[in-house]
Amino acid sequence: MRDYAAVLTARPDDIRSALLGRRVDFSRIFSGHIVAERATARAVLPPELARRAEHEMLALFRDYSAHIRAWTPARIEAEWPAYVTAVRALQMRLRGRFDWAERELFPRLYPLTAAA
């Protein structure tokens, strides 16, 4: 996300080459993260909290997928400022999810470290 944010700030001359590969990479990483988080949540959270966490993550992924479909390369180039705003909004949601994992998952995974 930091790398992508840096590209957004720089507004490259060749938007397609600067962003498209990164979008594919992020999608792959995000998909893998969802699987790992789901397994971890099911292992350490109470069942209802794990289900809620899974639904929230899947909603975020659906919104991300809709974002990718809506923001075609041509549209990104034509509407750069709006694209940057849309990406930053999604990144804020993802950062919120990271904060949630820090609060809810990691202390349960590493209880001795969290207590220190």
N, C-alpha and C. Protein backbone atom coordinates (compact mmCIF):
# COMPACT_ATOMS: atom_id res chain seq x y z
N MET A 1 0.83 -1.19 0.00
CA MET A 1 0.00 0.00 0.00
C MET A 1 0.87 1.25 0.00
N ARG A 2 1.98 1.21 0.73
CA ARG A 2 2.87 2.39 0.74
C ARG A 2 3.44 2.66 -0.64
N ASP A 3 3.83 1.59 -1.33
CA ASP A 3 4.38 1.75 -2.67
C ASP A 3 3.33 2.34 -3.61
N TYR A 4 2.13 1.85 -3.51
CA TYR A 4 1.04 2.34 -4.36
C TYR A 4 0.75 3.81 -4.03
N ALA A 5 0.73 4.14 -2.75
CA ALA A 5 0.49 5.52 -2.33
C ALA A 5 1.57 6.45 -2.88
N ALA A 6 2.81 5.97 -2.90
CA ALA A 6 3.90 6.79 -3.43
C ALA A 6 3.69 7.07 -4.92
N VAL A 7 3.21 6.07 -5.65
CA VAL A 7 2.94 6.27 -7.07
C VAL A 7 1.80 7.28 -7.24
N LEU A 8 0.79 7.19 -6.39
CA LEU A 8 -0.33 8.14 -6.48
C LEU A 8 0.16 9.56 -6.26
N THR A 9 1.04 9.73 -5.32
CA THR A 9 1.56 11.06 -5.01
C THR A 9 2.41 11.60 -6.16
N ALA A 10 3.15 10.72 -6.80
CA ALA A 10 4.07 11.14 -7.87
C ALA A 10 3.35 11.44 -9.19
N ARG A 11 2.16 10.90 -9.36
CA ARG A 11 1.43 10.99 -10.63
C ARG A 11 2.37 10.76 -11.82
N PRO A 12 2.64 9.49 -12.09
CA PRO A 12 3.60 9.15 -13.14
C PRO A 12 3.11 9.55 -14.53
N ASP A 13 4.06 9.77 -15.42
CA ASP A 13 3.71 10.09 -16.81
C ASP A 13 3.02 8.90 -17.46
N ASP A 14 3.52 7.71 -17.20
CA ASP A 14 2.94 6.50 -17.77
C ASP A 14 2.16 5.78 -16.68
N ILE A 15 0.93 6.20 -16.48
CA ILE A 15 0.09 5.67 -15.41
C ILE A 15 -0.11 4.16 -15.55
N ARG A 16 -0.36 3.73 -16.76
CA ARG A 16 -0.63 2.30 -16.96
C ARG A 16 0.51 1.43 -16.47
N SER A 17 1.72 1.73 -16.90
CA SER A 17 2.83 0.87 -16.50
C SER A 17 3.14 1.01 -15.01
N ALA A 18 2.91 2.18 -14.46
CA ALA A 18 3.21 2.39 -13.03
C ALA A 18 2.21 1.71 -12.11
N LEU A 19 0.96 1.61 -12.54
CA LEU A 19 -0.07 1.11 -11.63
C LEU A 19 -0.57 -0.30 -11.91
N LEU A 20 -0.70 -0.67 -13.15
CA LEU A 20 -1.41 -1.91 -13.45
C LEU A 20 -0.74 -3.14 -12.85
N GLY A 21 0.55 -3.25 -12.96
CA GLY A 21 1.25 -4.39 -12.34
C GLY A 21 1.09 -4.39 -10.84
N ARG A 22 1.13 -3.21 -10.25
CA ARG A 22 0.95 -3.10 -8.80
C ARG A 22 -0.47 -3.51 -8.40
N ARG A 23 -1.44 -3.16 -9.22
CA ARG A 23 -2.82 -3.58 -8.92
C ARG A 23 -2.95 -5.09 -8.92
N VAL A 24 -2.35 -5.73 -9.89
CA VAL A 24 -2.40 -7.19 -9.96
C VAL A 24 -1.70 -7.80 -8.74
N ASP A 25 -0.52 -7.28 -8.42
CA ASP A 25 0.21 -7.78 -7.25
C ASP A 25 -0.61 -7.61 -5.97
N PHE A 26 -1.20 -6.44 -5.80
CA PHE A 26 -1.98 -6.20 -4.59
C PHE A 26 -3.19 -7.13 -4.53
N SER A 27 -3.85 -7.34 -5.64
CA SER A 27 -5.01 -8.24 -5.65
C SER A 27 -4.61 -9.64 -5.21
N ARG A 28 -3.47 -10.11 -5.69
CA ARG A 28 -2.98 -11.44 -5.32
C ARG A 28 -2.67 -11.49 -3.82
N ILE A 29 -1.98 -10.48 -3.33
CA ILE A 29 -1.62 -10.43 -1.90
C ILE A 29 -2.88 -10.34 -1.04
N PHE A 30 -3.81 -9.49 -1.44
CA PHE A 30 -5.04 -9.30 -0.67
C PHE A 30 -5.85 -10.60 -0.62
N SER A 31 -5.96 -11.29 -1.75
CA SER A 31 -6.69 -12.56 -1.78
C SER A 31 -6.06 -13.57 -0.83
N GLY A 32 -4.76 -13.66 -0.84
CA GLY A 32 -4.07 -14.58 0.06
C GLY A 32 -4.24 -14.18 1.51
N HIS A 33 -4.24 -12.90 1.76
CA HIS A 33 -4.41 -12.41 3.13
C HIS A 33 -5.79 -12.78 3.67
N ILE A 34 -6.79 -12.69 2.83
CA ILE A 34 -8.14 -13.03 3.27
C ILE A 34 -8.20 -14.48 3.75
N VAL A 35 -7.60 -15.37 3.00
CA VAL A 35 -7.59 -16.79 3.37
C VAL A 35 -6.87 -16.98 4.70
N ALA A 36 -5.71 -16.36 4.84
CA ALA A 36 -4.92 -16.51 6.07
C ALA A 36 -5.65 -15.90 7.27
N GLU A 37 -6.24 -14.72 7.07
CA GLU A 37 -6.94 -14.08 8.18
C GLU A 37 -8.16 -14.90 8.60
N ARG A 38 -8.88 -15.43 7.64
CA ARG A 38 -10.04 -16.26 7.95
C ARG A 38 -9.63 -17.45 8.82
N ALA A 39 -8.59 -18.14 8.42
CA ALA A 39 -8.13 -19.30 9.19
C ALA A 39 -7.68 -18.89 10.58
N THR A 40 -6.97 -17.79 10.68
CA THR A 40 -6.49 -17.31 11.98
C THR A 40 -7.66 -16.91 12.86
N ALA A 41 -8.59 -16.16 12.29
CA ALA A 41 -9.75 -15.71 13.07
C ALA A 41 -10.55 -16.90 13.59
N ARG A 42 -10.76 -17.89 12.74
CA ARG A 42 -11.50 -19.07 13.17
C ARG A 42 -10.77 -19.82 14.28
N ALA A 43 -9.46 -19.76 14.27
CA ALA A 43 -8.67 -20.49 15.27
C ALA A 43 -8.63 -19.79 16.63
N VAL A 44 -8.70 -18.45 16.63
CA VAL A 44 -8.46 -17.75 17.90
C VAL A 44 -9.62 -16.90 18.41
N LEU A 45 -10.61 -16.65 17.59
CA LEU A 45 -11.71 -15.79 18.01
C LEU A 45 -12.94 -16.63 18.37
N PRO A 46 -13.79 -16.11 19.22
CA PRO A 46 -15.08 -16.78 19.43
C PRO A 46 -15.82 -16.87 18.09
N PRO A 47 -16.61 -17.92 17.89
CA PRO A 47 -17.23 -18.15 16.58
C PRO A 47 -18.00 -16.95 16.02
N GLU A 48 -18.80 -16.28 16.85
CA GLU A 48 -19.58 -15.15 16.34
C GLU A 48 -18.67 -14.00 15.88
N LEU A 49 -17.65 -13.72 16.63
CA LEU A 49 -16.71 -12.66 16.25
C LEU A 49 -15.95 -13.06 14.99
N ALA A 50 -15.58 -14.32 14.86
CA ALA A 50 -14.89 -14.79 13.66
C ALA A 50 -15.78 -14.65 12.43
N ARG A 51 -17.06 -15.00 12.57
CA ARG A 51 -18.00 -14.86 11.44
C ARG A 51 -18.17 -13.39 11.05
N ARG A 52 -18.31 -12.53 12.05
CA ARG A 52 -18.46 -11.11 11.76
C ARG A 52 -17.21 -10.56 11.07
N ALA A 53 -16.05 -10.97 11.54
CA ALA A 53 -14.80 -10.52 10.94
C ALA A 53 -14.70 -10.98 9.49
N GLU A 54 -15.12 -12.21 9.24
CA GLU A 54 -15.08 -12.74 7.88
C GLU A 54 -16.03 -11.97 6.97
N HIS A 55 -17.23 -11.69 7.45
CA HIS A 55 -18.19 -10.93 6.64
C HIS A 55 -17.67 -9.52 6.35
N GLU A 56 -17.06 -8.90 7.33
CA GLU A 56 -16.51 -7.55 7.12
C GLU A 56 -15.37 -7.56 6.11
N MET A 57 -14.51 -8.57 6.20
CA MET A 57 -13.40 -8.66 5.26
C MET A 57 -13.92 -8.95 3.85
N LEU A 58 -14.89 -9.81 3.73
CA LEU A 58 -15.44 -10.11 2.41
C LEU A 58 -16.14 -8.88 1.82
N ALA A 59 -16.80 -8.09 2.65
CA ALA A 59 -17.41 -6.85 2.16
C ALA A 59 -16.34 -5.90 1.64
N LEU A 60 -15.24 -5.81 2.35
CA LEU A 60 -14.13 -4.96 1.91
C LEU A 60 -13.58 -5.48 0.59
N PHE A 61 -13.43 -6.78 0.47
CA PHE A 61 -12.92 -7.35 -0.78
C PHE A 61 -13.91 -7.12 -1.93
N ARG A 62 -15.20 -7.25 -1.67
CA ARG A 62 -16.20 -6.96 -2.72
C ARG A 62 -16.09 -5.51 -3.17
N ASP A 63 -15.94 -4.60 -2.21
CA ASP A 63 -15.81 -3.19 -2.57
C ASP A 63 -14.53 -2.94 -3.35
N TYR A 64 -13.47 -3.61 -2.97
CA TYR A 64 -12.21 -3.48 -3.70
C TYR A 64 -12.38 -4.01 -5.12
N SER A 65 -13.04 -5.16 -5.26
CA SER A 65 -13.27 -5.74 -6.59
C SER A 65 -14.11 -4.81 -7.45
N ALA A 66 -15.14 -4.21 -6.87
CA ALA A 66 -15.97 -3.25 -7.60
C ALA A 66 -15.13 -2.03 -8.02
N HIS A 67 -14.25 -1.61 -7.15
CA HIS A 67 -13.35 -0.49 -7.45
C HIS A 67 -12.49 -0.83 -8.68
N ILE A 68 -11.93 -2.03 -8.70
CA ILE A 68 -11.08 -2.44 -9.82
C ILE A 68 -11.88 -2.48 -11.12
N ARG A 69 -13.10 -3.00 -11.04
CA ARG A 69 -13.94 -3.05 -12.25
C ARG A 69 -14.31 -1.64 -12.72
N ALA A 70 -14.61 -0.76 -11.80
CA ALA A 70 -15.04 0.60 -12.16
C ALA A 70 -13.90 1.45 -12.69
N TRP A 71 -12.73 1.27 -12.12
CA TRP A 71 -11.60 2.10 -12.48
C TRP A 71 -10.73 1.41 -13.51
N THR A 72 -11.18 1.50 -14.75
CA THR A 72 -10.42 0.95 -15.87
C THR A 72 -9.19 1.84 -16.11
N PRO A 73 -8.19 1.31 -16.80
CA PRO A 73 -7.02 2.15 -17.08
C PRO A 73 -7.38 3.47 -17.78
N ALA A 74 -8.30 3.42 -18.72
CA ALA A 74 -8.69 4.66 -19.42
C ALA A 74 -9.35 5.64 -18.45
N ARG A 75 -10.19 5.14 -17.58
CA ARG A 75 -10.86 6.02 -16.62
C ARG A 75 -9.86 6.60 -15.61
N ILE A 76 -8.92 5.78 -15.19
CA ILE A 76 -7.89 6.27 -14.26
C ILE A 76 -7.17 7.46 -14.88
N GLU A 77 -6.75 7.32 -16.12
CA GLU A 77 -6.03 8.40 -16.79
C GLU A 77 -6.91 9.64 -16.95
N ALA A 78 -8.19 9.44 -17.27
CA ALA A 78 -9.09 10.56 -17.51
C ALA A 78 -9.51 11.26 -16.23
N GLU A 79 -9.58 10.50 -15.12
CA GLU A 79 -10.10 11.04 -13.87
C GLU A 79 -9.11 10.85 -12.72
N TRP A 80 -7.87 11.17 -12.97
CA TRP A 80 -6.81 10.92 -11.99
C TRP A 80 -7.13 11.42 -10.58
N PRO A 81 -7.52 12.66 -10.37
CA PRO A 81 -7.78 13.11 -8.99
C PRO A 81 -8.87 12.30 -8.28
N ALA A 82 -9.92 11.96 -9.00
CA ALA A 82 -10.99 11.15 -8.39
C ALA A 82 -10.48 9.74 -8.08
N TYR A 83 -9.64 9.21 -8.95
CA TYR A 83 -9.07 7.88 -8.71
C TYR A 83 -8.21 7.89 -7.44
N VAL A 84 -7.38 8.89 -7.31
CA VAL A 84 -6.53 9.00 -6.13
C VAL A 84 -7.40 9.04 -4.87
N THR A 85 -8.47 9.82 -4.91
CA THR A 85 -9.38 9.91 -3.76
C THR A 85 -10.01 8.55 -3.45
N ALA A 86 -10.43 7.84 -4.49
CA ALA A 86 -11.06 6.53 -4.30
C ALA A 86 -10.07 5.53 -3.71
N VAL A 87 -8.85 5.53 -4.21
CA VAL A 87 -7.83 4.61 -3.69
C VAL A 87 -7.52 4.93 -2.23
N ARG A 88 -7.36 6.19 -1.93
CA ARG A 88 -7.05 6.57 -0.54
C ARG A 88 -8.18 6.18 0.41
N ALA A 89 -9.42 6.26 -0.03
CA ALA A 89 -10.55 5.83 0.81
C ALA A 89 -10.46 4.34 1.09
N LEU A 90 -10.16 3.55 0.08
CA LEU A 90 -10.00 2.11 0.29
C LEU A 90 -8.81 1.81 1.20
N GLN A 91 -7.74 2.54 1.01
CA GLN A 91 -6.56 2.33 1.86
C GLN A 91 -6.87 2.66 3.32
N MET A 92 -7.67 3.68 3.55
CA MET A 92 -8.06 3.99 4.93
C MET A 92 -8.84 2.84 5.55
N ARG A 93 -9.73 2.25 4.77
CA ARG A 93 -10.48 1.09 5.27
C ARG A 93 -9.55 -0.08 5.57
N LEU A 94 -8.58 -0.30 4.71
CA LEU A 94 -7.63 -1.38 4.94
C LEU A 94 -6.78 -1.11 6.19
N ARG A 95 -6.38 0.13 6.36
CA ARG A 95 -5.62 0.46 7.58
C ARG A 95 -6.47 0.22 8.82
N GLY A 96 -7.74 0.52 8.73
CA GLY A 96 -8.65 0.21 9.84
C GLY A 96 -8.69 -1.27 10.12
N ARG A 97 -8.64 -2.06 9.08
CA ARG A 97 -8.62 -3.51 9.25
C ARG A 97 -7.31 -3.96 9.89
N PHE A 98 -6.21 -3.35 9.51
CA PHE A 98 -4.92 -3.67 10.14
C PHE A 98 -4.98 -3.34 11.63
N ASP A 99 -5.57 -2.20 11.95
CA ASP A 99 -5.71 -1.81 13.37
C ASP A 99 -6.55 -2.84 14.12
N TRP A 100 -7.62 -3.31 13.48
CA TRP A 100 -8.47 -4.33 14.09
C TRP A 100 -7.65 -5.60 14.38
N ALA A 101 -6.85 -6.02 13.40
CA ALA A 101 -6.03 -7.23 13.59
C ALA A 101 -5.05 -7.04 14.73
N GLU A 102 -4.48 -5.86 14.84
CA GLU A 102 -3.56 -5.58 15.95
C GLU A 102 -4.26 -5.70 17.30
N ARG A 103 -5.51 -5.24 17.36
CA ARG A 103 -6.27 -5.28 18.61
C ARG A 103 -6.85 -6.66 18.91
N GLU A 104 -7.40 -7.32 17.89
CA GLU A 104 -8.20 -8.52 18.12
C GLU A 104 -7.47 -9.83 17.86
N LEU A 105 -6.67 -9.87 16.80
CA LEU A 105 -6.04 -11.14 16.44
C LEU A 105 -4.67 -11.33 17.10
N PHE A 106 -3.79 -10.37 16.93
CA PHE A 106 -2.42 -10.56 17.39
C PHE A 106 -2.30 -10.84 18.88
N PRO A 107 -3.05 -10.15 19.74
CA PRO A 107 -2.94 -10.48 21.16
C PRO A 107 -3.36 -11.92 21.47
N ARG A 108 -4.26 -12.45 20.69
CA ARG A 108 -4.69 -13.85 20.91
C ARG A 108 -3.69 -14.84 20.33
N LEU A 109 -2.98 -14.42 19.29
CA LEU A 109 -1.96 -15.28 18.71
C LEU A 109 -0.70 -15.32 19.55
N TYR A 110 -0.36 -14.19 20.11
CA TYR A 110 0.88 -14.06 20.86
C TYR A 110 0.59 -13.47 22.23
N PRO A 111 -0.11 -14.18 23.09
CA PRO A 111 -0.55 -13.61 24.37
C PRO A 111 0.60 -13.16 25.27
N LEU A 112 1.73 -13.83 25.25
CA LEU A 112 2.84 -13.43 26.10
C LEU A 112 3.47 -12.13 25.62
N THR A 113 3.57 -11.99 24.31
CA THR A 113 4.13 -10.77 23.74
C THR A 113 3.20 -9.59 24.01
N ALA A 114 1.91 -9.80 23.87
CA ALA A 114 0.94 -8.73 24.08
C ALA A 114 0.93 -8.27 25.53
N ALA A 115 1.20 -9.18 26.47
CA ALA A 115 1.19 -8.83 27.88
C ALA A 115 2.44 -8.08 28.29
N ALA A 116 3.50 -8.20 27.52
CA ALA A 116 4.79 -7.57 27.89
C ALA A 116 4.77 -6.07 27.74
